[in-house]
Amino acid sequence: MNIFQRKTMKLALLFTLLSSTVAVYADVAVVVNPSNNSEISDQDIARIFLGKLKKFSNGDKAVALNLKFGSETRNDFEKKVLNKSSRQIKAYWSKLVFSGKGKPPPELVSDKDILALVSADSNVIAYVDAASVDASVKVIKTF
């Protein structure tokens, strides 16, 4: 093996190692029931998931659902939409629960579970990996 081949092999190995450590973020889709015709801004989405907004613009109750704590999609949602880390969100809700001023949205295990509940209830708003979206829900925003 000549010097050129060794350098090429080292560069290829280095490139492989570097490219495998880059974090890949999937798009997060915020979804509602197809019958929900409310106007929902980015700020409204954040306020609903922080327990600060309880109703949609049409006056219907807004019920937020979370994916399980620690899931990649949830981490992305909290970072992109709520502008907070999972730890910050956990601390936020702990404070509200302790003071009796609120409780966090219920957690579901999978995108499939989220989609089933959103498609069955016009009051639910949730998020899933955008690749999981099907025709049973309406995407109102992708982050």
N, C-alpha and C. Protein backbone atom coordinates (compact mmCIF):
# COMPACT_ATOMS: atom_id res chain seq x y z
N MET A 1 0.86 -1.17 0.00
CA MET A 1 0.00 0.00 0.00
C MET A 1 0.90 1.24 0.00
N ASN A 2 0.69 2.11 -0.95
CA ASN A 2 1.52 3.31 -1.03
C ASN A 2 0.98 4.40 -0.10
N ILE A 3 1.72 5.48 0.01
CA ILE A 3 1.38 6.56 0.92
C ILE A 3 0.05 7.23 0.56
N PHE A 4 -0.21 7.35 -0.74
CA PHE A 4 -1.47 7.96 -1.19
C PHE A 4 -2.67 7.11 -0.75
N GLN A 5 -2.57 5.81 -0.89
CA GLN A 5 -3.66 4.91 -0.49
C GLN A 5 -3.88 4.95 1.02
N ARG A 6 -2.81 5.03 1.79
CA ARG A 6 -2.94 5.11 3.26
C ARG A 6 -3.64 6.39 3.68
N LYS A 7 -3.24 7.52 3.06
CA LYS A 7 -3.88 8.80 3.40
C LYS A 7 -5.35 8.79 3.01
N THR A 8 -5.65 8.22 1.86
CA THR A 8 -7.03 8.14 1.41
C THR A 8 -7.86 7.28 2.37
N MET A 9 -7.29 6.17 2.81
CA MET A 9 -7.99 5.29 3.73
C MET A 9 -8.20 5.98 5.08
N LYS A 10 -7.21 6.71 5.56
CA LYS A 10 -7.34 7.44 6.82
C LYS A 10 -8.42 8.51 6.72
N LEU A 11 -8.44 9.23 5.61
CA LEU A 11 -9.46 10.26 5.40
C LEU A 11 -10.86 9.65 5.33
N ALA A 12 -10.98 8.54 4.66
CA ALA A 12 -12.28 7.86 4.55
C ALA A 12 -12.75 7.40 5.93
N LEU A 13 -11.84 6.86 6.73
CA LEU A 13 -12.17 6.44 8.08
C LEU A 13 -12.58 7.63 8.95
N LEU A 14 -11.85 8.70 8.86
CA LEU A 14 -12.16 9.91 9.62
C LEU A 14 -13.53 10.46 9.23
N PHE A 15 -13.79 10.51 7.94
CA PHE A 15 -15.09 10.99 7.46
C PHE A 15 -16.23 10.11 7.98
N THR A 16 -16.03 8.81 7.95
CA THR A 16 -17.05 7.88 8.44
C THR A 16 -17.32 8.10 9.92
N LEU A 17 -16.27 8.25 10.71
CA LEU A 17 -16.44 8.47 12.14
C LEU A 17 -17.15 9.79 12.43
N LEU A 18 -16.76 10.84 11.74
CA LEU A 18 -17.38 12.15 11.96
C LEU A 18 -18.84 12.16 11.52
N SER A 19 -19.15 11.56 10.41
CA SER A 19 -20.52 11.59 9.91
C SER A 19 -21.45 10.75 10.77
N SER A 20 -20.94 9.76 11.47
CA SER A 20 -21.80 8.92 12.31
C SER A 20 -22.11 9.58 13.64
N THR A 21 -21.40 10.64 14.02
CA THR A 21 -21.66 11.29 15.29
C THR A 21 -22.54 12.53 15.17
N VAL A 22 -22.90 12.91 13.96
CA VAL A 22 -23.74 14.07 13.75
C VAL A 22 -25.17 13.73 14.15
N ALA A 23 -25.78 14.56 14.98
CA ALA A 23 -27.16 14.32 15.40
C ALA A 23 -28.11 14.59 14.25
N VAL A 24 -29.06 13.72 14.09
CA VAL A 24 -30.06 13.86 13.05
C VAL A 24 -31.39 14.17 13.71
N TYR A 25 -31.97 15.30 13.35
CA TYR A 25 -33.26 15.68 13.91
C TYR A 25 -34.34 15.48 12.87
N ALA A 26 -35.36 14.74 13.25
CA ALA A 26 -36.50 14.53 12.36
C ALA A 26 -37.47 15.68 12.54
N ASP A 27 -38.29 15.89 11.54
CA ASP A 27 -39.33 16.91 11.68
C ASP A 27 -40.39 16.42 12.65
N VAL A 28 -40.92 17.36 13.40
CA VAL A 28 -41.99 17.08 14.35
C VAL A 28 -43.26 17.72 13.79
N ALA A 29 -44.33 16.94 13.68
CA ALA A 29 -45.60 17.45 13.18
C ALA A 29 -46.58 17.62 14.34
N VAL A 30 -47.15 18.80 14.45
CA VAL A 30 -48.20 19.05 15.44
C VAL A 30 -49.51 18.73 14.75
N VAL A 31 -50.31 17.88 15.39
CA VAL A 31 -51.52 17.37 14.75
C VAL A 31 -52.76 17.60 15.60
N VAL A 32 -53.89 17.73 14.90
CA VAL A 32 -55.20 17.82 15.53
C VAL A 32 -56.16 16.95 14.72
N ASN A 33 -57.36 16.81 15.24
CA ASN A 33 -58.41 16.09 14.55
C ASN A 33 -58.78 16.86 13.28
N PRO A 34 -59.07 16.18 12.18
CA PRO A 34 -59.42 16.89 10.94
C PRO A 34 -60.61 17.84 11.07
N SER A 35 -61.50 17.61 12.03
CA SER A 35 -62.65 18.49 12.20
C SER A 35 -62.33 19.77 12.97
N ASN A 36 -61.13 19.86 13.52
CA ASN A 36 -60.73 21.06 14.28
C ASN A 36 -60.40 22.17 13.28
N ASN A 37 -61.20 23.23 13.29
CA ASN A 37 -61.00 24.34 12.35
C ASN A 37 -60.46 25.59 13.02
N SER A 38 -59.86 25.45 14.17
CA SER A 38 -59.32 26.59 14.92
C SER A 38 -58.10 27.19 14.24
N GLU A 39 -57.91 28.48 14.48
CA GLU A 39 -56.66 29.15 14.09
C GLU A 39 -55.69 28.89 15.25
N ILE A 40 -54.54 28.30 14.94
CA ILE A 40 -53.59 27.95 16.00
C ILE A 40 -52.21 28.44 15.59
N SER A 41 -51.71 29.44 16.30
CA SER A 41 -50.38 29.99 16.01
C SER A 41 -49.30 29.17 16.71
N ASP A 42 -48.06 29.42 16.35
CA ASP A 42 -46.93 28.77 17.02
C ASP A 42 -46.96 29.09 18.51
N GLN A 43 -47.27 30.33 18.84
CA GLN A 43 -47.34 30.75 20.24
C GLN A 43 -48.46 30.00 20.97
N ASP A 44 -49.61 29.83 20.30
CA ASP A 44 -50.72 29.08 20.89
C ASP A 44 -50.30 27.64 21.19
N ILE A 45 -49.59 27.02 20.26
CA ILE A 45 -49.14 25.64 20.47
C ILE A 45 -48.29 25.56 21.73
N ALA A 46 -47.32 26.45 21.85
CA ALA A 46 -46.45 26.45 23.03
C ALA A 46 -47.26 26.69 24.30
N ARG A 47 -48.17 27.64 24.27
CA ARG A 47 -48.98 27.95 25.45
C ARG A 47 -49.88 26.79 25.85
N ILE A 48 -50.42 26.07 24.89
CA ILE A 48 -51.25 24.90 25.20
C ILE A 48 -50.41 23.84 25.90
N PHE A 49 -49.23 23.57 25.37
CA PHE A 49 -48.39 22.51 25.95
C PHE A 49 -47.73 22.92 27.27
N LEU A 50 -47.76 24.20 27.59
CA LEU A 50 -47.27 24.67 28.89
C LEU A 50 -48.41 24.90 29.87
N GLY A 51 -49.63 24.56 29.47
CA GLY A 51 -50.78 24.69 30.35
C GLY A 51 -51.28 26.11 30.53
N LYS A 52 -50.83 27.03 29.69
CA LYS A 52 -51.21 28.44 29.82
C LYS A 52 -52.44 28.79 28.99
N LEU A 53 -52.77 27.96 28.02
CA LEU A 53 -53.93 28.18 27.17
C LEU A 53 -54.76 26.91 27.21
N LYS A 54 -56.03 27.05 27.58
CA LYS A 54 -56.89 25.89 27.80
C LYS A 54 -57.91 25.66 26.70
N LYS A 55 -58.05 26.62 25.78
CA LYS A 55 -59.05 26.51 24.73
C LYS A 55 -58.48 26.89 23.38
N PHE A 56 -59.06 26.29 22.34
CA PHE A 56 -58.73 26.68 20.97
C PHE A 56 -59.45 27.98 20.64
N SER A 57 -59.09 28.59 19.54
CA SER A 57 -59.69 29.87 19.15
C SER A 57 -61.19 29.76 18.90
N ASN A 58 -61.70 28.57 18.60
CA ASN A 58 -63.14 28.40 18.39
C ASN A 58 -63.91 28.19 19.69
N GLY A 59 -63.20 28.23 20.83
CA GLY A 59 -63.83 28.09 22.14
C GLY A 59 -63.84 26.68 22.69
N ASP A 60 -63.49 25.70 21.86
CA ASP A 60 -63.45 24.31 22.33
C ASP A 60 -62.25 24.08 23.25
N LYS A 61 -62.43 23.17 24.19
CA LYS A 61 -61.37 22.80 25.12
C LYS A 61 -60.17 22.23 24.34
N ALA A 62 -58.97 22.60 24.74
CA ALA A 62 -57.74 22.09 24.13
C ALA A 62 -57.09 21.09 25.10
N VAL A 63 -56.90 19.88 24.63
CA VAL A 63 -56.30 18.82 25.44
C VAL A 63 -54.99 18.39 24.78
N ALA A 64 -53.88 18.71 25.42
CA ALA A 64 -52.56 18.36 24.88
C ALA A 64 -52.16 16.96 25.32
N LEU A 65 -51.46 16.27 24.43
CA LEU A 65 -50.89 14.96 24.73
C LEU A 65 -49.40 14.99 24.44
N ASN A 66 -48.62 14.39 25.32
CA ASN A 66 -47.17 14.28 25.15
C ASN A 66 -46.79 12.85 24.80
N LEU A 67 -45.69 12.71 24.13
CA LEU A 67 -45.05 11.41 24.02
C LEU A 67 -44.30 11.16 25.32
N LYS A 68 -43.92 9.92 25.56
CA LYS A 68 -43.25 9.57 26.81
C LYS A 68 -41.98 10.39 27.01
N PHE A 69 -41.68 10.68 28.27
CA PHE A 69 -40.50 11.44 28.64
C PHE A 69 -39.26 10.72 28.13
N GLY A 70 -38.37 11.47 27.50
CA GLY A 70 -37.12 10.93 27.00
C GLY A 70 -37.16 10.48 25.56
N SER A 71 -38.34 10.46 24.95
CA SER A 71 -38.39 10.05 23.55
C SER A 71 -37.74 11.13 22.68
N GLU A 72 -37.15 10.71 21.58
CA GLU A 72 -36.44 11.64 20.70
C GLU A 72 -37.38 12.70 20.14
N THR A 73 -38.57 12.28 19.73
CA THR A 73 -39.53 13.24 19.16
C THR A 73 -39.95 14.26 20.21
N ARG A 74 -40.16 13.82 21.44
CA ARG A 74 -40.53 14.75 22.51
C ARG A 74 -39.39 15.73 22.77
N ASN A 75 -38.18 15.23 22.84
CA ASN A 75 -37.03 16.12 23.05
C ASN A 75 -36.95 17.17 21.95
N ASP A 76 -37.15 16.75 20.70
CA ASP A 76 -37.13 17.69 19.57
C ASP A 76 -38.25 18.72 19.70
N PHE A 77 -39.45 18.26 20.04
CA PHE A 77 -40.59 19.16 20.20
C PHE A 77 -40.31 20.21 21.28
N GLU A 78 -39.83 19.76 22.43
CA GLU A 78 -39.57 20.69 23.53
C GLU A 78 -38.49 21.70 23.16
N LYS A 79 -37.50 21.26 22.43
CA LYS A 79 -36.42 22.15 22.02
C LYS A 79 -36.89 23.13 20.95
N LYS A 80 -37.57 22.63 19.91
CA LYS A 80 -37.97 23.45 18.77
C LYS A 80 -39.19 24.33 19.05
N VAL A 81 -40.15 23.84 19.80
CA VAL A 81 -41.41 24.56 19.99
C VAL A 81 -41.45 25.31 21.32
N LEU A 82 -41.02 24.66 22.37
CA LEU A 82 -41.08 25.28 23.70
C LEU A 82 -39.79 26.01 24.05
N ASN A 83 -38.77 25.84 23.23
CA ASN A 83 -37.46 26.48 23.44
C ASN A 83 -36.86 26.16 24.80
N LYS A 84 -37.07 24.93 25.23
CA LYS A 84 -36.54 24.48 26.52
C LYS A 84 -36.04 23.05 26.39
N SER A 85 -35.14 22.68 27.28
CA SER A 85 -34.66 21.30 27.32
C SER A 85 -35.69 20.46 28.08
N SER A 86 -35.57 19.16 27.96
CA SER A 86 -36.46 18.26 28.69
C SER A 86 -36.36 18.47 30.20
N ARG A 87 -35.15 18.72 30.67
CA ARG A 87 -34.96 18.97 32.11
C ARG A 87 -35.71 20.24 32.54
N GLN A 88 -35.63 21.27 31.73
CA GLN A 88 -36.32 22.52 32.06
C GLN A 88 -37.83 22.32 32.09
N ILE A 89 -38.35 21.56 31.15
CA ILE A 89 -39.79 21.28 31.11
C ILE A 89 -40.20 20.45 32.32
N LYS A 90 -39.40 19.47 32.66
CA LYS A 90 -39.70 18.64 33.84
C LYS A 90 -39.72 19.50 35.10
N ALA A 91 -38.77 20.40 35.24
CA ALA A 91 -38.73 21.29 36.41
C ALA A 91 -39.93 22.24 36.41
N TYR A 92 -40.29 22.74 35.23
CA TYR A 92 -41.45 23.64 35.10
C TYR A 92 -42.71 22.96 35.61
N TRP A 93 -42.95 21.72 35.12
CA TRP A 93 -44.16 21.02 35.54
C TRP A 93 -44.10 20.58 37.00
N SER A 94 -42.94 20.23 37.49
CA SER A 94 -42.80 19.84 38.90
C SER A 94 -43.23 21.00 39.80
N LYS A 95 -42.81 22.20 39.44
CA LYS A 95 -43.16 23.38 40.22
C LYS A 95 -44.68 23.61 40.21
N LEU A 96 -45.29 23.50 39.03
CA LEU A 96 -46.74 23.70 38.93
C LEU A 96 -47.53 22.63 39.67
N VAL A 97 -47.09 21.39 39.57
CA VAL A 97 -47.78 20.30 40.27
C VAL A 97 -47.65 20.49 41.77
N PHE A 98 -46.45 20.82 42.25
CA PHE A 98 -46.22 21.01 43.68
C PHE A 98 -47.07 22.15 44.25
N SER A 99 -47.23 23.22 43.47
CA SER A 99 -48.00 24.37 43.94
C SER A 99 -49.51 24.20 43.71
N GLY A 100 -49.89 23.11 43.05
CA GLY A 100 -51.30 22.87 42.78
C GLY A 100 -51.87 23.71 41.65
N LYS A 101 -51.01 24.26 40.81
CA LYS A 101 -51.45 25.16 39.74
C LYS A 101 -51.56 24.49 38.38
N GLY A 102 -51.29 23.22 38.31
CA GLY A 102 -51.41 22.56 37.02
C GLY A 102 -50.83 21.18 37.03
N LYS A 103 -51.10 20.45 35.96
CA LYS A 103 -50.49 19.14 35.78
C LYS A 103 -50.12 18.97 34.32
N PRO A 104 -49.06 18.25 34.06
CA PRO A 104 -48.57 18.12 32.69
C PRO A 104 -49.53 17.32 31.83
N PRO A 105 -49.41 17.49 30.51
CA PRO A 105 -50.24 16.68 29.61
C PRO A 105 -49.97 15.19 29.81
N PRO A 106 -50.98 14.37 29.62
CA PRO A 106 -50.77 12.92 29.71
C PRO A 106 -49.74 12.47 28.69
N GLU A 107 -49.02 11.40 29.03
CA GLU A 107 -47.98 10.85 28.15
C GLU A 107 -48.46 9.55 27.52
N LEU A 108 -48.17 9.41 26.25
CA LEU A 108 -48.44 8.17 25.53
C LEU A 108 -47.13 7.59 25.02
N VAL A 109 -47.12 6.30 24.78
CA VAL A 109 -45.89 5.60 24.45
C VAL A 109 -45.44 5.78 23.01
N SER A 110 -46.40 5.83 22.07
CA SER A 110 -45.99 5.80 20.67
C SER A 110 -46.77 6.78 19.80
N ASP A 111 -46.21 7.06 18.63
CA ASP A 111 -46.90 7.89 17.64
C ASP A 111 -48.25 7.27 17.27
N LYS A 112 -48.27 5.95 17.17
CA LYS A 112 -49.51 5.24 16.81
C LYS A 112 -50.60 5.52 17.84
N ASP A 113 -50.25 5.49 19.13
CA ASP A 113 -51.22 5.78 20.19
C ASP A 113 -51.72 7.22 20.10
N ILE A 114 -50.80 8.14 19.83
CA ILE A 114 -51.16 9.56 19.69
C ILE A 114 -52.13 9.73 18.52
N LEU A 115 -51.80 9.16 17.39
CA LEU A 115 -52.65 9.31 16.20
C LEU A 115 -54.05 8.75 16.44
N ALA A 116 -54.14 7.65 17.15
CA ALA A 116 -55.45 7.05 17.43
C ALA A 116 -56.31 7.98 18.29
N LEU A 117 -55.72 8.59 19.31
CA LEU A 117 -56.49 9.49 20.17
C LEU A 117 -56.85 10.80 19.48
N VAL A 118 -55.92 11.35 18.71
CA VAL A 118 -56.19 12.60 17.99
C VAL A 118 -57.31 12.38 16.98
N SER A 119 -57.28 11.27 16.28
CA SER A 119 -58.31 11.02 15.27
C SER A 119 -59.68 10.77 15.88
N ALA A 120 -59.73 10.40 17.15
CA ALA A 120 -60.99 10.11 17.82
C ALA A 120 -61.58 11.28 18.59
N ASP A 121 -60.80 12.36 18.81
CA ASP A 121 -61.26 13.45 19.68
C ASP A 121 -60.86 14.81 19.11
N SER A 122 -61.84 15.63 18.81
CA SER A 122 -61.57 16.94 18.20
C SER A 122 -60.94 17.94 19.16
N ASN A 123 -60.87 17.62 20.44
CA ASN A 123 -60.26 18.53 21.41
C ASN A 123 -58.77 18.29 21.62
N VAL A 124 -58.24 17.21 21.07
CA VAL A 124 -56.85 16.83 21.32
C VAL A 124 -55.91 17.50 20.34
N ILE A 125 -54.77 17.93 20.87
CA ILE A 125 -53.65 18.42 20.08
C ILE A 125 -52.42 17.66 20.57
N ALA A 126 -51.59 17.24 19.63
CA ALA A 126 -50.42 16.45 20.00
C ALA A 126 -49.34 16.63 18.94
N TYR A 127 -48.27 15.90 19.07
CA TYR A 127 -47.18 15.95 18.11
C TYR A 127 -46.66 14.54 17.90
N VAL A 128 -46.15 14.29 16.71
CA VAL A 128 -45.56 13.01 16.36
C VAL A 128 -44.40 13.26 15.41
N ASP A 129 -43.61 12.24 15.18
CA ASP A 129 -42.60 12.31 14.13
C ASP A 129 -43.36 12.51 12.82
N ALA A 130 -42.95 13.47 12.03
CA ALA A 130 -43.66 13.80 10.79
C ALA A 130 -43.79 12.59 9.86
N ALA A 131 -42.86 11.67 9.92
CA ALA A 131 -42.91 10.48 9.08
C ALA A 131 -44.05 9.54 9.48
N SER A 132 -44.60 9.71 10.67
CA SER A 132 -45.66 8.84 11.16
C SER A 132 -47.06 9.32 10.81
N VAL A 133 -47.18 10.54 10.32
CA VAL A 133 -48.49 11.13 10.05
C VAL A 133 -49.24 10.32 8.99
N ASP A 134 -50.54 10.13 9.24
CA ASP A 134 -51.40 9.49 8.25
C ASP A 134 -52.65 10.35 8.02
N ALA A 135 -53.57 9.87 7.22
CA ALA A 135 -54.75 10.64 6.83
C ALA A 135 -55.77 10.79 7.95
N SER A 136 -55.57 10.15 9.10
CA SER A 136 -56.54 10.23 10.19
C SER A 136 -56.44 11.52 10.99
N VAL A 137 -55.40 12.32 10.75
CA VAL A 137 -55.19 13.56 11.50
C VAL A 137 -54.87 14.71 10.54
N LYS A 138 -54.92 15.94 11.08
CA LYS A 138 -54.56 17.12 10.30
C LYS A 138 -53.30 17.74 10.89
N VAL A 139 -52.32 17.95 10.04
CA VAL A 139 -51.07 18.60 10.48
C VAL A 139 -51.29 20.11 10.44
N ILE A 140 -51.07 20.76 11.58
CA ILE A 140 -51.24 22.22 11.62
C ILE A 140 -49.90 22.95 11.55
N LYS A 141 -48.83 22.24 11.87
CA LYS A 141 -47.50 22.86 11.83
C LYS A 141 -46.44 21.76 11.87
N THR A 142 -45.37 21.98 11.12
CA THR A 142 -44.22 21.08 11.16
C THR A 142 -43.00 21.90 11.57
N PHE A 143 -42.29 21.39 12.55
CA PHE A 143 -41.09 22.06 13.06
C PHE A 143 -39.87 21.21 12.75
